[in-house]
Protein backbone atom coordinates (compact mmCIF):
# COMPACT_ATOMS: atom_id res chain seq x y z
CA MET A 1 4.01 -18.19 15.48
CA THR A 2 4.02 -21.67 13.98
CA GLU A 3 0.52 -21.22 12.55
CA PHE A 4 1.52 -17.92 10.94
CA VAL A 5 4.60 -19.43 9.29
CA GLN A 6 2.80 -22.54 8.04
CA THR A 7 -0.16 -20.58 6.68
CA LEU A 8 2.02 -17.96 5.00
CA LYS A 9 4.23 -20.57 3.33
CA ALA A 10 1.22 -22.57 2.10
CA THR A 11 -0.50 -19.47 0.73
CA LEU A 12 2.63 -18.16 -1.00
CA ASP A 13 3.23 -21.60 -2.52
CA GLU A 14 -0.31 -21.53 -3.87
CA LEU A 15 0.24 -18.03 -5.26
CA LYS A 16 3.63 -19.07 -6.69
CA ILE A 17 5.43 -16.25 -4.89
CA ASN A 18 9.08 -16.97 -4.10
CA TYR A 19 10.48 -16.63 -0.61
CA THR A 20 13.41 -17.69 1.56
CA GLU A 21 13.43 -18.98 5.13
CA GLU A 22 15.12 -15.74 6.19
CA ILE A 23 12.30 -13.64 4.72
CA ILE A 24 9.64 -15.83 6.33
CA GLY A 25 11.45 -15.43 9.64
CA LYS A 26 11.38 -11.64 9.29
CA ALA A 27 7.68 -11.77 8.37
CA ALA A 28 7.03 -13.77 11.56
CA ASP A 29 9.00 -11.18 13.58
CA TYR A 30 6.87 -8.47 11.93
CA ALA A 31 3.63 -10.26 12.87
CA CYS A 32 4.80 -10.85 16.46
CA TYR A 33 5.76 -7.22 16.92
CA LEU A 34 2.46 -6.04 15.42
CA ARG A 35 0.45 -8.24 17.80
CA LYS A 36 2.43 -6.95 20.79
CA GLU A 37 2.05 -3.30 19.82
CA ASN A 38 -1.62 -3.81 18.97
CA GLU A 39 -2.28 -4.37 22.67
CA LYS A 40 -1.23 -0.77 23.31
CA MET A 41 -2.79 0.95 20.28
CA ASN A 42 -5.34 0.11 17.61
CA LEU A 43 -3.36 -1.00 14.56
CA THR A 44 -5.41 -3.90 13.21
CA ALA A 45 -8.58 -5.84 13.98
CA ILE A 46 -6.95 -8.96 12.51
CA THR A 47 -4.76 -10.58 15.17
CA GLU A 48 -5.21 -14.34 14.70
CA PRO A 49 -1.90 -15.63 13.22
CA GLY A 50 -3.39 -17.55 10.29
CA GLU A 51 -5.64 -14.65 9.33
CA MET A 52 -2.75 -12.22 9.55
CA ALA A 53 -0.69 -14.42 7.24
CA VAL A 54 -3.40 -14.40 4.57
CA LYS A 55 -5.25 -11.10 4.91
CA HIS A 56 -2.27 -8.86 5.63
CA PHE A 57 0.90 -10.48 4.32
CA ALA A 58 -0.20 -12.70 1.39
CA ASP A 59 -2.72 -10.11 0.19
CA SER A 60 -0.03 -7.42 0.14
CA LEU A 61 2.24 -9.72 -1.85
CA CYS A 62 -0.41 -10.46 -4.48
CA LEU A 63 0.75 -7.24 -6.13
CA LEU A 64 3.92 -9.09 -7.16
CA ASN A 65 1.82 -11.50 -9.22
CA TYR A 66 -0.01 -8.82 -11.17
CA VAL A 67 2.25 -5.80 -11.45
CA ASP A 68 5.79 -5.56 -12.80
CA LEU A 69 7.76 -3.61 -10.22
CA PRO A 70 11.16 -2.94 -11.84
CA LYS A 71 14.31 -3.25 -9.77
CA ASN A 72 15.00 -0.16 -7.63
CA ALA A 73 11.57 1.34 -8.39
CA SER A 74 10.33 4.01 -5.97
CA LEU A 75 7.07 3.19 -4.21
CA LEU A 76 4.91 5.27 -1.88
CA ASP A 77 2.31 3.56 0.32
CA VAL A 78 -0.44 6.04 1.22
CA GLY A 79 -2.36 5.42 4.45
CA SER A 80 0.12 2.69 5.31
CA GLY A 81 -1.25 2.05 8.80
CA ALA A 82 0.58 -1.02 10.11
CA GLY A 83 2.72 -1.19 6.95
CA PHE A 84 0.49 -3.00 4.47
CA PRO A 85 1.28 -3.38 1.65
CA GLY A 86 4.38 -1.15 1.52
CA LEU A 87 6.58 -2.63 4.24
CA VAL A 88 5.69 -6.23 3.32
CA LEU A 89 6.67 -5.53 -0.29
CA ARG A 90 9.97 -4.08 0.92
CA LEU A 91 10.54 -7.22 3.04
CA PHE A 92 10.21 -9.47 -0.01
CA ARG A 93 11.74 -6.99 -2.48
CA PRO A 94 14.57 -5.20 -0.60
CA ASP A 95 15.63 -3.46 -3.83
CA LEU A 96 12.47 -1.32 -3.80
CA LYS A 97 12.80 2.26 -2.53
CA VAL A 98 9.82 2.34 -0.20
CA THR A 99 8.21 5.31 1.56
CA LEU A 100 5.31 4.90 3.99
CA LEU A 101 2.84 7.75 4.57
CA ASP A 102 0.25 7.97 7.34
CA ALA A 103 -1.72 10.79 8.92
CA SER A 104 -1.47 9.30 12.44
CA LYS A 105 1.61 10.26 14.45
CA LYS A 106 1.18 7.17 16.65
CA ARG A 107 1.08 4.83 13.65
CA CYS A 108 4.15 6.52 12.19
CA GLY A 109 5.90 5.98 15.50
CA PHE A 110 5.02 2.30 15.32
CA LEU A 111 6.37 2.10 11.76
CA GLU A 112 9.63 3.77 12.81
CA ARG A 113 10.11 1.20 15.59
CA LEU A 114 9.10 -1.67 13.34
CA LYS A 115 11.54 -0.81 10.56
CA ARG A 116 14.36 -0.90 13.11
CA GLU A 117 13.14 -4.30 14.31
CA LEU A 118 13.29 -5.54 10.69
CA PHE A 119 16.63 -3.87 9.88
CA ALA A 120 14.92 -1.84 7.16
CA ASP A 121 16.34 1.56 8.06
CA ASP A 122 16.31 2.69 4.42
CA VAL A 123 12.49 2.82 4.49
CA GLU A 124 11.27 6.42 4.85
CA ILE A 125 8.30 7.25 7.08
CA LEU A 126 6.21 10.37 6.40
CA TRP A 127 3.72 11.78 8.89
CA GLY A 128 1.05 14.08 7.51
CA ARG A 129 -1.99 14.44 5.30
CA SER A 130 -1.74 13.55 1.63
CA GLU A 131 -3.44 16.81 0.64
CA GLU A 132 -0.58 18.78 2.18
CA LEU A 133 2.40 16.53 1.51
CA ALA A 134 1.48 16.17 -2.18
CA ARG A 135 2.24 19.88 -2.61
CA GLU A 136 5.81 19.57 -1.39
CA GLU A 137 8.31 19.82 -4.24
CA ASN A 138 10.38 16.86 -3.09
CA LEU A 139 7.29 14.59 -3.03
CA ARG A 140 4.98 15.78 -5.79
CA GLU A 141 5.32 13.61 -8.92
CA GLN A 142 8.40 11.84 -7.56
CA PHE A 143 7.32 8.17 -7.35
CA ASP A 144 7.14 5.35 -9.90
CA PHE A 145 4.34 3.61 -8.00
CA VAL A 146 1.82 4.57 -5.33
CA THR A 147 -0.16 1.95 -3.41
CA ALA A 148 -3.18 2.13 -1.11
CA ARG A 149 -5.36 -0.42 0.67
CA ALA A 150 -7.60 2.26 2.17
CA VAL A 151 -11.37 1.88 2.37
CA ALA A 152 -12.04 5.25 0.71
CA SER A 153 -13.85 5.37 -2.62
CA LEU A 154 -11.80 5.32 -5.81
CA PRO A 155 -12.39 9.01 -6.71
CA VAL A 156 -11.11 10.00 -3.24
CA LEU A 157 -8.07 7.73 -3.48
CA LEU A 158 -7.24 9.03 -6.94
CA GLU A 159 -7.11 12.63 -5.72
CA LEU A 160 -5.07 11.75 -2.64
CA CYS A 161 -2.58 9.42 -4.35
CA THR A 162 -1.96 10.29 -8.00
CA PRO A 163 -0.36 13.73 -7.37
CA PHE A 164 2.65 11.85 -5.93
CA LEU A 165 3.13 9.86 -9.16
CA LYS A 166 5.53 10.69 -11.94
CA PRO A 167 3.78 11.03 -15.32
CA GLY A 168 3.75 7.49 -16.68
CA GLY A 169 3.73 6.03 -13.16
CA ARG A 170 1.11 3.65 -11.81
CA PHE A 171 -1.33 3.92 -8.92
CA LEU A 172 -2.15 0.48 -7.50
CA ALA A 173 -5.45 0.54 -5.62
CA MET A 174 -6.08 -2.68 -3.68
CA LYS A 175 -9.79 -3.20 -3.18
CA GLY A 176 -11.94 -5.88 -1.63
CA LYS A 177 -14.39 -5.67 -4.50
CA GLU A 178 -14.66 -4.32 -8.00
CA GLU A 179 -15.12 -0.58 -7.77
CA THR A 180 -14.77 1.51 -10.90
CA ASP A 181 -18.24 3.05 -11.16
CA GLY A 182 -18.23 6.79 -10.64
CA ALA A 183 -14.49 7.18 -11.18
CA ALA A 184 -14.54 8.31 -14.84
CA LYS A 185 -14.68 12.02 -13.99
CA ALA A 186 -11.86 11.80 -11.46
CA LEU A 187 -9.67 9.86 -13.89
CA THR A 188 -10.16 12.53 -16.56
CA LEU A 189 -9.59 15.50 -14.25
CA LEU A 190 -6.42 13.95 -12.83
CA ASN A 191 -4.93 12.94 -16.22
CA CYS A 192 -5.19 9.20 -15.51
CA GLU A 193 -6.69 6.09 -17.06
CA LEU A 194 -7.58 2.64 -15.77
CA ALA A 195 -4.90 0.51 -17.44
CA VAL A 196 -5.68 -2.94 -16.05
CA HIS A 197 -8.28 -4.34 -13.67
CA HIS A 198 -6.74 -7.41 -12.01
CA ARG A 199 -9.26 -9.74 -10.35
CA TYR A 200 -8.36 -12.64 -8.08
CA ARG A 201 -9.59 -14.70 -5.16
CA LEU A 202 -7.75 -15.09 -1.89
CA ASN A 203 -8.95 -17.44 0.81
CA GLY A 204 -12.33 -17.65 -0.94
CA GLU A 205 -12.82 -13.87 -1.11
CA ASP A 206 -12.98 -11.68 -4.20
CA ARG A 207 -10.13 -9.17 -4.42
CA ALA A 208 -9.00 -6.66 -7.03
CA VAL A 209 -6.01 -4.52 -7.94
CA LEU A 210 -6.84 -1.48 -10.04
CA GLU A 211 -3.74 -0.50 -12.01
CA ILE A 212 -4.13 3.16 -12.96
CA LYS A 213 -1.68 4.90 -15.27
CA LYS A 214 -0.87 8.59 -14.96
CA LEU A 215 -0.89 10.13 -18.43
CA GLY A 216 0.39 13.61 -17.63
CA PRO A 217 1.08 16.08 -14.81
CA THR A 218 -1.57 16.53 -12.13
CA PRO A 219 -3.31 19.92 -12.51
CA GLU A 220 -2.03 22.36 -9.91
CA LYS A 221 -5.46 22.66 -8.20
CA TYR A 222 -5.29 19.02 -7.02
CA PRO A 223 -5.36 17.75 -4.41
CA ARG A 224 -7.79 20.20 -2.87
CA ARG A 225 -7.41 21.37 0.72
CA ALA A 226 -7.53 18.87 3.58
CA GLY A 227 -10.88 17.14 3.96
CA MET A 228 -12.33 18.25 0.62
CA PRO A 229 -11.59 15.03 -1.35
CA GLU A 230 -13.67 13.02 1.15
CA LYS A 231 -16.36 15.67 1.60
CA ARG A 232 -16.84 16.37 -2.12
CA PRO A 233 -15.39 13.53 -4.23
CA LEU A 234 -14.57 14.39 -7.83
């Protein structure tokens, strides 16, 4: 994984993100394990080491440049998939209390195995749909931050993610392009506001982090039953 290590170091140096050789070594172990497991199940279409370093690892870590994540903050990664950005953030910020959520039992199984490979046993893995888990008392409005790199539209992501946030918490939506049109109604209904729109370029591509603040409790009716947020976005 020489190419992975060299590319990741060069990109993090450019982004001015601190790292240690130990952390880079763990990131390389992560990438190796992901490539091996990807031969058995579909986890990512990006498997070339240099691309993985930039598009998965460095992109996840860009959050550290734009958002202040206080020490010991609780963070939920919705639709975590292969662990991006949640598990990468935990790798570089071991103080964070990270929970990964995914609707696929197979992907959750991969994440359970991976966290043992990385000696990150304090990371919690949740299997289930956001619409259902967000109604559980021990999860609803319990997190300081929620992240998502999903391809769903912003109104859909808002309904699936913000119920997990404490009032005053922040939802960090990582998008490949600017996407705020059509979200005004969802923001109002869910007691949220767009606090900051961070724009940056990574490897020549436009990227964005939408930092959304939760102003008050989520109305009890949200999220709606499974499938409704995607079928009828707010």
